Amino acid sequence: MMSPKIFVLLFFRNLERAFKKLHRPWVMHRLRAVNASSQQKITAEGGPIVSLTTYDKRFDIVFYTIESIAKGSLLPSRITLWVDEKLCNAPLPPPLERLQARGLEIKSAEDLGPHTKYFPEVTSERDAQRPFITADDDTLYPRYWLERLHREHLKHPGTILCYRARKISFSDTGRLLPYGSWLPCFSTTSSPLHFSTGVCGALFPGEMRDALRSKSKEFESKCLRADDIWLNWVAVNAGIPVKQIVLVHKKFYEVPGTREFALANRNNRAGGNDIQLEKTYSADVLAHLFERWKNSQQI
């Protein structure tokens, strides 16, 4: 049964969703205005590293996401937009040109689908042991987004931190249940059963760099279209737990019109996640997680 505290939090989150529909156009107007006129740097020493990618259909509008990060209460020390060679060599949209002049790095990378948001970062040998934060290219991040992830990292340095996670679930016989049936996480404890989702961004500790580098591009034959699956699988193998840093998972503003071709449509609704989970999660890892799940059911 849902606790009264969670019920109240969900009620206010639903009110927040309704407010977003009215508030979002004004937010985007402000971001356009800032981009057109500001000369203020979007990076600052001492901040976290932010890594993201985009593709041709969003190349003209990804600046909204980057400007929202730049309006945060804590600025990143570096923010890199990884794009394929064709986009990197093409004329930049004016909003990205202006952001580049203020500190955005735009770098060429092999097209690895959603894995492009982190893979060139962890293999770049820059700041090789530092944590990094991934962002999605169709999300408008609130002012507190980066600062709160960074603050939680100082308290929990060996943990993956996120605003949105699901709880990995099994049947009583040990069969992994379909991804669509996994419940949202309503906990701020660390656990290997918590499955971070990247739509609201996630912070990965330095240990994840080493773990991801050691696995290289094995994801290409297992879950090329699902970076969340690969990142969580690597974390379980490396013994790195996941912590949702809010009791009720967040859902930030989306840039309108970006979800038509979103991977979520294919992975979540068309069963793509279940196919890729089956290819990725080995029997021994599932057995380990099932034991943890059974123990959690007895609490």
C-alpha atoms as a PDB file:
ATOM      1  CA  MET A   1       0.000   0.000   0.000  1.00  0.00           C
ATOM      2  CA  MET A   2       1.256   3.468  -0.885  1.00  0.00           C
ATOM      3  CA  SER A   3       2.296   5.524   2.129  1.00  0.00           C
ATOM      4  CA  PRO A   4       0.457   8.814   2.827  1.00  0.00           C
ATOM      5  CA  LYS A   5       3.700  10.748   2.276  1.00  0.00           C
ATOM      6  CA  ILE A   6       4.200   9.291  -1.199  1.00  0.00           C
ATOM      7  CA  PHE A   7       0.515   9.842  -2.044  1.00  0.00           C
ATOM      8  CA  VAL A   8       0.829  13.542  -1.169  1.00  0.00           C
ATOM      9  CA  LEU A   9       4.065  13.856  -3.148  1.00  0.00           C
ATOM     10  CA  LEU A  10       2.438  12.231  -6.196  1.00  0.00           C
ATOM     11  CA  PHE A  11      -0.547  14.561  -5.887  1.00  0.00           C
ATOM     12  CA  PHE A  12       1.681  17.618  -5.976  1.00  0.00           C
ATOM     13  CA  ARG A  13       3.746  16.145  -8.804  1.00  0.00           C
ATOM     14  CA  ASN A  14       0.567  15.786 -10.893  1.00  0.00           C
ATOM     15  CA  LEU A  15      -0.248  19.419 -10.161  1.00  0.00           C
ATOM     16  CA  GLU A  16       3.271  20.275 -11.262  1.00  0.00           C
ATOM     17  CA  ARG A  17       2.722  18.432 -14.554  1.00  0.00           C
ATOM     18  CA  ALA A  18      -0.402  20.475 -15.250  1.00  0.00           C
ATOM     19  CA  PHE A  19       1.490  23.687 -14.482  1.00  0.00           C
ATOM     20  CA  LYS A  20       4.284  22.677 -16.867  1.00  0.00           C
ATOM     21  CA  LYS A  21       2.009  22.843 -19.900  1.00  0.00           C
ATOM     22  CA  LEU A  22       1.334  26.503 -19.174  1.00  0.00           C
ATOM     23  CA  HIS A  23       4.818  27.389 -17.954  1.00  0.00           C
ATOM     24  CA  ARG A  24       6.970  25.656 -20.583  1.00  0.00           C
ATOM     25  CA  PRO A  25       6.386  28.145 -23.460  1.00  0.00           C
ATOM     26  CA  TRP A  26       7.571  30.990 -21.226  1.00  0.00           C
ATOM     27  CA  VAL A  27      10.652  28.976 -20.178  1.00  0.00           C
ATOM     28  CA  MET A  28      11.562  28.308 -23.800  1.00  0.00           C
ATOM     29  CA  HIS A  29      11.047  31.970 -24.702  1.00  0.00           C
ATOM     30  CA  ARG A  30      13.484  32.950 -21.941  1.00  0.00           C
ATOM     31  CA  LEU A  31      16.045  30.392 -23.120  1.00  0.00           C
ATOM     32  CA  ARG A  32      15.845  31.732 -26.693  1.00  0.00           C
ATOM     33  CA  ALA A  33      16.305  35.280 -25.423  1.00  0.00           C
ATOM     34  CA  VAL A  34      19.321  34.346 -23.315  1.00  0.00           C
ATOM     35  CA  ASN A  35      20.895  32.485 -26.211  1.00  0.00           C
ATOM     36  CA  ALA A  36      20.421  35.435 -28.541  1.00  0.00           C
ATOM     37  CA  SER A  37      22.029  38.031 -26.253  1.00  0.00           C
ATOM     38  CA  SER A  38      24.143  36.503 -23.477  1.00  0.00           C
ATOM     39  CA  GLN A  39      27.928  36.462 -23.504  1.00  0.00           C
ATOM     40  CA  GLN A  40      28.216  34.845 -20.077  1.00  0.00           C
ATOM     41  CA  LYS A  41      30.342  31.711 -19.836  1.00  0.00           C
ATOM     42  CA  ILE A  42      28.407  28.476 -19.439  1.00  0.00           C
ATOM     43  CA  THR A  43      31.242  26.681 -17.609  1.00  0.00           C
ATOM     44  CA  ALA A  44      33.116  27.343 -14.359  1.00  0.00           C
ATOM     45  CA  GLU A  45      36.052  25.708 -12.619  1.00  0.00           C
ATOM     46  CA  GLY A  46      35.199  23.161  -9.960  1.00  0.00           C
ATOM     47  CA  GLY A  47      31.884  22.075 -11.430  1.00  0.00           C
ATOM     48  CA  PRO A  48      30.962  18.602 -12.668  1.00  0.00           C
ATOM     49  CA  ILE A  49      31.489  17.326 -16.218  1.00  0.00           C
ATOM     50  CA  VAL A  50      28.398  17.085 -18.449  1.00  0.00           C
ATOM     51  CA  SER A  51      28.285  14.908 -21.565  1.00  0.00           C
ATOM     52  CA  LEU A  52      25.474  14.617 -24.118  1.00  0.00           C
ATOM     53  CA  THR A  53      24.809  13.829 -27.757  1.00  0.00           C
ATOM     54  CA  THR A  54      22.277  14.699 -30.417  1.00  0.00           C
ATOM     55  CA  TYR A  55      21.484  13.854 -34.026  1.00  0.00           C
ATOM     56  CA  ASP A  56      20.364  15.634 -37.159  1.00  0.00           C
ATOM     57  CA  LYS A  57      16.648  15.979 -36.310  1.00  0.00           C
ATOM     58  CA  ARG A  58      17.465  17.751 -33.038  1.00  0.00           C
ATOM     59  CA  PHE A  59      20.628  19.598 -34.050  1.00  0.00           C
ATOM     60  CA  ASP A  60      18.743  22.901 -34.393  1.00  0.00           C
ATOM     61  CA  ILE A  61      16.973  22.651 -31.025  1.00  0.00           C
ATOM     62  CA  VAL A  62      19.468  20.985 -28.680  1.00  0.00           C
ATOM     63  CA  PHE A  63      20.525  24.485 -27.623  1.00  0.00           C
ATOM     64  CA  TYR A  64      17.404  24.623 -25.417  1.00  0.00           C
ATOM     65  CA  THR A  65      18.764  21.781 -23.288  1.00  0.00           C
ATOM     66  CA  ILE A  66      22.236  23.302 -23.085  1.00  0.00           C
ATOM     67  CA  GLU A  67      20.926  26.753 -22.186  1.00  0.00           C
ATOM     68  CA  SER A  68      18.798  25.218 -19.423  1.00  0.00           C
ATOM     69  CA  ILE A  69      21.920  23.617 -17.941  1.00  0.00           C
ATOM     70  CA  ALA A  70      23.772  26.924 -18.270  1.00  0.00           C
ATOM     71  CA  LYS A  71      21.067  28.648 -16.193  1.00  0.00           C
ATOM     72  CA  GLY A  72      21.667  26.257 -13.308  1.00  0.00           C
ATOM     73  CA  SER A  73      22.725  27.223  -9.802  1.00  0.00           C
ATOM     74  CA  LEU A  74      25.962  25.285 -10.424  1.00  0.00           C
ATOM     75  CA  LEU A  75      27.777  25.437 -13.755  1.00  0.00           C
ATOM     76  CA  PRO A  76      29.655  22.475 -15.233  1.00  0.00           C
ATOM     77  CA  SER A  77      33.443  22.651 -15.538  1.00  0.00           C
ATOM     78  CA  ARG A  78      33.032  21.212 -19.007  1.00  0.00           C
ATOM     79  CA  ILE A  79      30.041  20.461 -21.206  1.00  0.00           C
ATOM     80  CA  THR A  80      30.594  18.450 -24.379  1.00  0.00           C
ATOM     81  CA  LEU A  81      28.150  17.809 -27.189  1.00  0.00           C
ATOM     82  CA  TRP A  82      29.259  14.703 -29.114  1.00  0.00           C
ATOM     83  CA  VAL A  83      28.003  14.453 -32.696  1.00  0.00           C
ATOM     84  CA  ASP A  84      28.868  12.359 -35.716  1.00  0.00           C
ATOM     85  CA  GLU A  85      31.463  13.593 -38.183  1.00  0.00           C
ATOM     86  CA  LYS A  86      28.911  14.807 -40.731  1.00  0.00           C
ATOM     87  CA  LEU A  87      27.248  17.120 -38.218  1.00  0.00           C
ATOM     88  CA  CYS A  88      30.550  18.173 -36.725  1.00  0.00           C
ATOM     89  CA  ASN A  89      31.804  19.343 -40.124  1.00  0.00           C
ATOM     90  CA  ALA A  90      28.544  21.019 -41.160  1.00  0.00           C
ATOM     91  CA  PRO A  91      27.848  24.713 -40.488  1.00  0.00           C
ATOM     92  CA  LEU A  92      26.632  25.097 -36.933  1.00  0.00           C
ATOM     93  CA  PRO A  93      23.152  26.462 -36.248  1.00  0.00           C
ATOM     94  CA  PRO A  94      23.589  30.031 -34.928  1.00  0.00           C
ATOM     95  CA  PRO A  95      22.376  29.134 -31.391  1.00  0.00           C
ATOM     96  CA  LEU A  96      25.097  26.477 -31.107  1.00  0.00           C
ATOM     97  CA  GLU A  97      27.698  28.889 -32.506  1.00  0.00           C
ATOM     98  CA  ARG A  98      26.835  31.311 -29.745  1.00  0.00           C
ATOM     99  CA  LEU A  99      27.034  28.579 -27.109  1.00  0.00           C
ATOM    100  CA  GLN A 100      30.383  27.418 -28.465  1.00  0.00           C
ATOM    101  CA  ALA A 101      31.732  30.940 -27.999  1.00  0.00           C
ATOM    102  CA  ARG A 102      30.594  30.773 -24.361  1.00  0.00           C
ATOM    103  CA  GLY A 103      32.307  27.478 -23.553  1.00  0.00           C
ATOM    104  CA  LEU A 104      30.389  24.604 -25.156  1.00  0.00           C
ATOM    105  CA  GLU A 105      32.648  21.936 -26.675  1.00  0.00           C
ATOM    106  CA  ILE A 106      31.312  20.309 -29.853  1.00  0.00           C
ATOM    107  CA  LYS A 107      33.324  17.226 -30.737  1.00  0.00           C
ATOM    108  CA  SER A 108      33.188  14.548 -33.410  1.00  0.00           C
ATOM    109  CA  ALA A 109      32.411  11.001 -32.309  1.00  0.00           C
ATOM    110  CA  GLU A 110      31.521   7.671 -33.865  1.00  0.00           C
ATOM    111  CA  ASP A 111      27.761   7.293 -34.156  1.00  0.00           C
ATOM    112  CA  LEU A 112      26.900   4.771 -31.431  1.00  0.00           C
ATOM    113  CA  GLY A 113      23.281   5.799 -31.027  1.00  0.00           C
ATOM    114  CA  PRO A 114      22.373   6.692 -27.433  1.00  0.00           C
ATOM    115  CA  HIS A 115      25.732   5.329 -26.220  1.00  0.00           C
ATOM    116  CA  THR A 116      27.366   8.346 -27.852  1.00  0.00           C
ATOM    117  CA  LYS A 117      26.283  10.449 -24.879  1.00  0.00           C
ATOM    118  CA  TYR A 118      28.878   8.755 -22.627  1.00  0.00           C
ATOM    119  CA  PHE A 119      31.227   6.444 -24.593  1.00  0.00           C
ATOM    120  CA  PRO A 120      33.520   9.066 -26.173  1.00  0.00           C
ATOM    121  CA  GLU A 121      33.681  10.816 -22.797  1.00  0.00           C
ATOM    122  CA  VAL A 122      34.848   7.756 -20.873  1.00  0.00           C
ATOM    123  CA  THR A 123      37.368   6.793 -23.555  1.00  0.00           C
ATOM    124  CA  SER A 124      38.731  10.305 -24.122  1.00  0.00           C
ATOM    125  CA  GLU A 125      41.403  10.099 -21.384  1.00  0.00           C
ATOM    126  CA  ARG A 126      40.374  13.580 -20.255  1.00  0.00           C
ATOM    127  CA  ASP A 127      39.809  13.749 -16.491  1.00  0.00           C
ATOM    128  CA  ALA A 128      40.153   9.978 -16.579  1.00  0.00           C
ATOM    129  CA  GLN A 129      39.002   9.327 -12.994  1.00  0.00           C
ATOM    130  CA  ARG A 130      36.449  12.099 -12.527  1.00  0.00           C
ATOM    131  CA  PRO A 131      32.707  11.467 -12.303  1.00  0.00           C
ATOM    132  CA  PHE A 132      30.584  12.580 -15.220  1.00  0.00           C
ATOM    133  CA  ILE A 133      26.940  13.447 -15.734  1.00  0.00           C
ATOM    134  CA  THR A 134      24.887  12.513 -18.776  1.00  0.00           C
ATOM    135  CA  ALA A 135      22.048  14.641 -20.116  1.00  0.00           C
ATOM    136  CA  ASP A 136      19.366  13.990 -22.726  1.00  0.00           C
ATOM    137  CA  ASP A 137      19.079  16.331 -25.692  1.00  0.00           C
ATOM    138  CA  ASP A 138      15.298  16.808 -25.436  1.00  0.00           C
ATOM    139  CA  THR A 139      15.007  17.818 -21.777  1.00  0.00           C
ATOM    140  CA  LEU A 140      14.863  21.213 -20.077  1.00  0.00           C
ATOM    141  CA  TYR A 141      16.693  20.911 -16.782  1.00  0.00           C
ATOM    142  CA  PRO A 142      15.719  22.931 -13.689  1.00  0.00           C
ATOM    143  CA  ARG A 143      18.148  25.251 -11.909  1.00  0.00           C
ATOM    144  CA  TYR A 144      18.860  22.775  -9.114  1.00  0.00           C
ATOM    145  CA  TRP A 145      19.577  19.824 -11.424  1.00  0.00           C
ATOM    146  CA  LEU A 146      23.378  19.849 -11.543  1.00  0.00           C
ATOM    147  CA  GLU A 147      23.993  21.228  -8.060  1.00  0.00           C
ATOM    148  CA  ARG A 148      21.874  18.591  -6.375  1.00  0.00           C
ATOM    149  CA  LEU A 149      23.551  15.711  -8.231  1.00  0.00           C
ATOM    150  CA  HIS A 150      26.954  17.132  -7.331  1.00  0.00           C
ATOM    151  CA  ARG A 151      26.003  17.628  -3.680  1.00  0.00           C
ATOM    152  CA  GLU A 152      24.751  14.054  -3.401  1.00  0.00           C
ATOM    153  CA  HIS A 153      27.937  12.795  -5.045  1.00  0.00           C
ATOM    154  CA  LEU A 154      30.019  14.392  -2.288  1.00  0.00           C
ATOM    155  CA  LYS A 155      27.972  12.365   0.231  1.00  0.00           C
ATOM    156  CA  HIS A 156      27.879   9.120  -1.812  1.00  0.00           C
ATOM    157  CA  PRO A 157      31.016   9.152  -3.990  1.00  0.00           C
ATOM    158  CA  GLY A 158      30.865   5.537  -5.199  1.00  0.00           C
ATOM    159  CA  THR A 159      27.231   5.527  -6.282  1.00  0.00           C
ATOM    160  CA  ILE A 160      25.297   6.200  -9.490  1.00  0.00           C
ATOM    161  CA  LEU A 161      22.889   9.043  -8.756  1.00  0.00           C
ATOM    162  CA  CYS A 162      19.713   9.865 -10.658  1.00  0.00           C
ATOM    163  CA  TYR A 163      16.360  11.606 -10.434  1.00  0.00           C
ATOM    164  CA  ARG A 164      14.435   8.719 -11.967  1.00  0.00           C
ATOM    165  CA  ALA A 165      14.749   4.965 -11.477  1.00  0.00           C
ATOM    166  CA  ARG A 166      12.726   1.778 -11.656  1.00  0.00           C
ATOM    167  CA  LYS A 167      12.841  -1.282  -9.435  1.00  0.00           C
ATOM    168  CA  ILE A 168      14.009  -4.446 -11.187  1.00  0.00           C
ATOM    169  CA  SER A 169      11.335  -7.101 -10.567  1.00  0.00           C
ATOM    170  CA  PHE A 170      11.105 -10.881 -10.737  1.00  0.00           C
ATOM    171  CA  SER A 171       8.421 -13.533 -10.550  1.00  0.00           C
ATOM    172  CA  ASP A 172       8.484 -15.872  -7.555  1.00  0.00           C
ATOM    173  CA  THR A 173      10.195 -18.463  -9.736  1.00  0.00           C
ATOM    174  CA  GLY A 174      13.093 -16.147 -10.589  1.00  0.00           C
ATOM    175  CA  ARG A 175      11.989 -15.025 -14.045  1.00  0.00           C
ATOM    176  CA  LEU A 176      12.798 -11.408 -14.888  1.00  0.00           C
ATOM    177  CA  LEU A 177       9.500  -9.610 -15.390  1.00  0.00           C
ATOM    178  CA  PRO A 178       8.904  -7.435 -18.487  1.00  0.00           C
ATOM    179  CA  TYR A 179      10.438  -3.984 -18.239  1.00  0.00           C
ATOM    180  CA  GLY A 180       7.050  -2.308 -18.595  1.00  0.00           C
ATOM    181  CA  SER A 181       5.876  -3.909 -15.345  1.00  0.00           C
ATOM    182  CA  TRP A 182       8.767  -2.614 -13.231  1.00  0.00           C
ATOM    183  CA  LEU A 183       7.442  -0.101 -10.720  1.00  0.00           C
ATOM    184  CA  PRO A 184       8.882   3.374 -10.273  1.00  0.00           C
ATOM    185  CA  CYS A 185      11.343   3.696  -7.430  1.00  0.00           C
ATOM    186  CA  PHE A 186       9.970   5.338  -4.275  1.00  0.00           C
ATOM    187  CA  SER A 187      13.170   5.186  -2.269  1.00  0.00           C
ATOM    188  CA  THR A 188      16.376   7.138  -1.750  1.00  0.00           C
ATOM    189  CA  THR A 189      18.399   4.124  -0.618  1.00  0.00           C
ATOM    190  CA  SER A 190      21.226   2.675  -2.729  1.00  0.00           C
ATOM    191  CA  SER A 191      20.562  -0.708  -4.310  1.00  0.00           C
ATOM    192  CA  PRO A 192      21.645  -2.890  -7.255  1.00  0.00           C
ATOM    193  CA  LEU A 193      17.907  -3.465  -7.836  1.00  0.00           C
ATOM    194  CA  HIS A 194      17.415   0.188  -8.695  1.00  0.00           C
ATOM    195  CA  PHE A 195      17.617   0.714 -12.443  1.00  0.00           C
ATOM    196  CA  SER A 196      18.573   4.284 -13.334  1.00  0.00           C
ATOM    197  CA  THR A 197      16.983   5.853 -16.385  1.00  0.00           C
ATOM    198  CA  GLY A 198      18.809   8.667 -18.136  1.00  0.00           C
ATOM    199  CA  VAL A 199      15.937  10.875 -19.247  1.00  0.00           C
ATOM    200  CA  CYS A 200      16.422  13.183 -16.249  1.00  0.00           C
ATOM    201  CA  GLY A 201      20.186  12.830 -16.241  1.00  0.00           C
ATOM    202  CA  ALA A 202      22.463  10.682 -14.099  1.00  0.00           C
ATOM    203  CA  LEU A 203      25.831  11.035 -12.372  1.00  0.00           C
ATOM    204  CA  PHE A 204      28.351   8.227 -12.763  1.00  0.00           C
ATOM    205  CA  PRO A 205      31.329   7.944 -10.393  1.00  0.00           C
ATOM    206  CA  GLY A 206      34.908   7.578 -11.574  1.00  0.00           C
ATOM    207  CA  GLU A 207      34.728   3.811 -11.053  1.00  0.00           C
ATOM    208  CA  MET A 208      32.193   3.621 -13.879  1.00  0.00           C
ATOM    209  CA  ARG A 209      34.724   5.058 -16.315  1.00  0.00           C
ATOM    210  CA  ASP A 210      37.046   2.129 -15.652  1.00  0.00           C
ATOM    211  CA  ALA A 211      34.198  -0.399 -15.828  1.00  0.00           C
ATOM    212  CA  LEU A 212      32.857   0.999 -19.105  1.00  0.00           C
ATOM    213  CA  ARG A 213      36.297   1.154 -20.694  1.00  0.00           C
ATOM    214  CA  SER A 214      36.948  -2.478 -19.761  1.00  0.00           C
ATOM    215  CA  LYS A 215      33.768  -3.572 -21.576  1.00  0.00           C
ATOM    216  CA  SER A 216      34.593  -1.486 -24.669  1.00  0.00           C
ATOM    217  CA  LYS A 217      31.835  -1.791 -27.325  1.00  0.00           C
ATOM    218  CA  GLU A 218      30.295  -5.087 -26.227  1.00  0.00           C
ATOM    219  CA  PHE A 219      26.960  -3.251 -26.158  1.00  0.00           C
ATOM    220  CA  GLU A 220      26.884  -3.247 -29.969  1.00  0.00           C
ATOM    221  CA  SER A 221      25.801  -6.906 -30.063  1.00  0.00           C
ATOM    222  CA  LYS A 222      23.522  -6.731 -27.021  1.00  0.00           C
ATOM    223  CA  CYS A 223      21.717  -3.430 -26.531  1.00  0.00           C
ATOM    224  CA  LEU A 224      22.840  -0.929 -29.135  1.00  0.00           C
ATOM    225  CA  ARG A 225      19.586   1.036 -28.825  1.00  0.00           C
ATOM    226  CA  ALA A 226      19.352   0.994 -25.021  1.00  0.00           C
ATOM    227  CA  ASP A 227      22.162   2.760 -23.176  1.00  0.00           C
ATOM    228  CA  ASP A 228      20.296   2.556 -19.854  1.00  0.00           C
ATOM    229  CA  ILE A 229      20.366  -1.247 -19.998  1.00  0.00           C
ATOM    230  CA  TRP A 230      24.090  -1.318 -20.675  1.00  0.00           C
ATOM    231  CA  LEU A 231      24.980   1.259 -18.022  1.00  0.00           C
ATOM    232  CA  ASN A 232      22.967  -0.560 -15.354  1.00  0.00           C
ATOM    233  CA  TRP A 233      24.377  -3.957 -16.338  1.00  0.00           C
ATOM    234  CA  VAL A 234      27.953  -2.659 -16.180  1.00  0.00           C
ATOM    235  CA  ALA A 235      27.177  -1.108 -12.786  1.00  0.00           C
ATOM    236  CA  VAL A 236      25.867  -4.397 -11.370  1.00  0.00           C
ATOM    237  CA  ASN A 237      28.947  -6.251 -12.608  1.00  0.00           C
ATOM    238  CA  ALA A 238      31.221  -3.619 -11.095  1.00  0.00           C
ATOM    239  CA  GLY A 239      29.362  -3.588  -7.769  1.00  0.00           C
ATOM    240  CA  ILE A 240      28.263   0.043  -8.146  1.00  0.00           C
ATOM    241  CA  PRO A 241      24.798   0.676  -6.666  1.00  0.00           C
ATOM    242  CA  VAL A 242      22.141   3.096  -7.892  1.00  0.00           C
ATOM    243  CA  LYS A 243      20.499   5.764  -5.748  1.00  0.00           C
ATOM    244  CA  GLN A 244      17.511   7.865  -6.719  1.00  0.00           C
ATOM    245  CA  ILE A 245      18.112  11.157  -4.940  1.00  0.00           C
ATOM    246  CA  VAL A 246      14.423  12.101  -4.582  1.00  0.00           C
ATOM    247  CA  LEU A 247      11.685  10.044  -2.973  1.00  0.00           C
ATOM    248  CA  VAL A 248       9.292  10.479  -5.922  1.00  0.00           C
ATOM    249  CA  HIS A 249      10.974  10.262  -9.311  1.00  0.00           C
ATOM    250  CA  LYS A 250      11.165  13.446 -11.365  1.00  0.00           C
ATOM    251  CA  LYS A 251       9.884  14.229 -14.846  1.00  0.00           C
ATOM    252  CA  PHE A 252      11.363  17.416 -16.230  1.00  0.00           C
ATOM    253  CA  TYR A 253      10.070  19.539 -19.106  1.00  0.00           C
ATOM    254  CA  GLU A 254      10.522  18.120 -22.594  1.00  0.00           C
ATOM    255  CA  VAL A 255      11.264  20.146 -25.695  1.00  0.00           C
ATOM    256  CA  PRO A 256       7.959  19.911 -27.655  1.00  0.00           C
ATOM    257  CA  GLY A 257       7.919  17.686 -30.716  1.00  0.00           C
ATOM    258  CA  THR A 258      11.002  15.658 -29.802  1.00  0.00           C
ATOM    259  CA  ARG A 259       9.304  12.453 -28.668  1.00  0.00           C
ATOM    260  CA  GLU A 260       7.892  11.396 -32.044  1.00  0.00           C
ATOM    261  CA  PHE A 261      11.104   9.547 -32.922  1.00  0.00           C
ATOM    262  CA  ALA A 262      12.249   8.926 -29.341  1.00  0.00           C
ATOM    263  CA  LEU A 263      13.878   5.618 -28.478  1.00  0.00           C
ATOM    264  CA  ALA A 264      11.391   5.273 -25.630  1.00  0.00           C
ATOM    265  CA  ASN A 265       8.638   4.603 -28.160  1.00  0.00           C
ATOM    266  CA  ARG A 266      10.528   1.637 -29.594  1.00  0.00           C
ATOM    267  CA  ASN A 267      12.140   0.331 -26.423  1.00  0.00           C
ATOM    268  CA  ASN A 268       9.318   0.720 -23.915  1.00  0.00           C
ATOM    269  CA  ARG A 269       6.133   0.367 -25.907  1.00  0.00           C
ATOM    270  CA  ALA A 270       7.306  -2.062 -28.577  1.00  0.00           C
ATOM    271  CA  GLY A 271       9.086  -4.445 -26.191  1.00  0.00           C
ATOM    272  CA  GLY A 272      12.559  -3.522 -27.374  1.00  0.00           C
ATOM    273  CA  ASN A 273      13.859  -3.242 -23.826  1.00  0.00           C
ATOM    274  CA  ASP A 274      12.866  -6.836 -23.009  1.00  0.00           C
ATOM    275  CA  ILE A 275      14.712  -8.185 -26.061  1.00  0.00           C
ATOM    276  CA  GLN A 276      17.833  -6.223 -25.172  1.00  0.00           C
ATOM    277  CA  LEU A 277      17.626  -7.147 -21.483  1.00  0.00           C
ATOM    278  CA  GLU A 278      17.563 -10.821 -22.439  1.00  0.00           C
ATOM    279  CA  LYS A 279      20.670 -10.400 -24.591  1.00  0.00           C
ATOM    280  CA  THR A 280      22.556  -8.397 -21.977  1.00  0.00           C
ATOM    281  CA  TYR A 281      21.789  -9.754 -18.505  1.00  0.00           C
ATOM    282  CA  SER A 282      23.540 -13.093 -18.041  1.00  0.00           C
ATOM    283  CA  ALA A 283      22.150 -15.921 -15.910  1.00  0.00           C
ATOM    284  CA  ASP A 284      24.639 -15.366 -13.087  1.00  0.00           C
ATOM    285  CA  VAL A 285      23.828 -11.651 -12.847  1.00  0.00           C
ATOM    286  CA  LEU A 286      20.090 -12.398 -12.848  1.00  0.00           C
ATOM    287  CA  ALA A 287      20.599 -15.024 -10.129  1.00  0.00           C
ATOM    288  CA  HIS A 288      22.441 -12.464  -7.999  1.00  0.00           C
ATOM    289  CA  LEU A 289      19.727  -9.868  -8.494  1.00  0.00           C
ATOM    290  CA  PHE A 290      16.979 -12.399  -7.798  1.00  0.00           C
ATOM    291  CA  GLU A 291      18.525 -13.202  -4.411  1.00  0.00           C
ATOM    292  CA  ARG A 292      18.612  -9.515  -3.577  1.00  0.00           C
ATOM    293  CA  TRP A 293      15.006  -9.175  -4.753  1.00  0.00           C
ATOM    294  CA  LYS A 294      13.844 -12.109  -2.573  1.00  0.00           C
ATOM    295  CA  ASN A 295      15.530 -10.597   0.461  1.00  0.00           C
ATOM    296  CA  SER A 296      13.883  -7.236  -0.223  1.00  0.00           C
ATOM    297  CA  GLN A 297      10.455  -8.897  -0.362  1.00  0.00           C
ATOM    298  CA  GLN A 298      10.945 -10.264   3.151  1.00  0.00           C
ATOM    299  CA  ILE A 299      11.629  -6.872   4.733  1.00  0.00           C
END
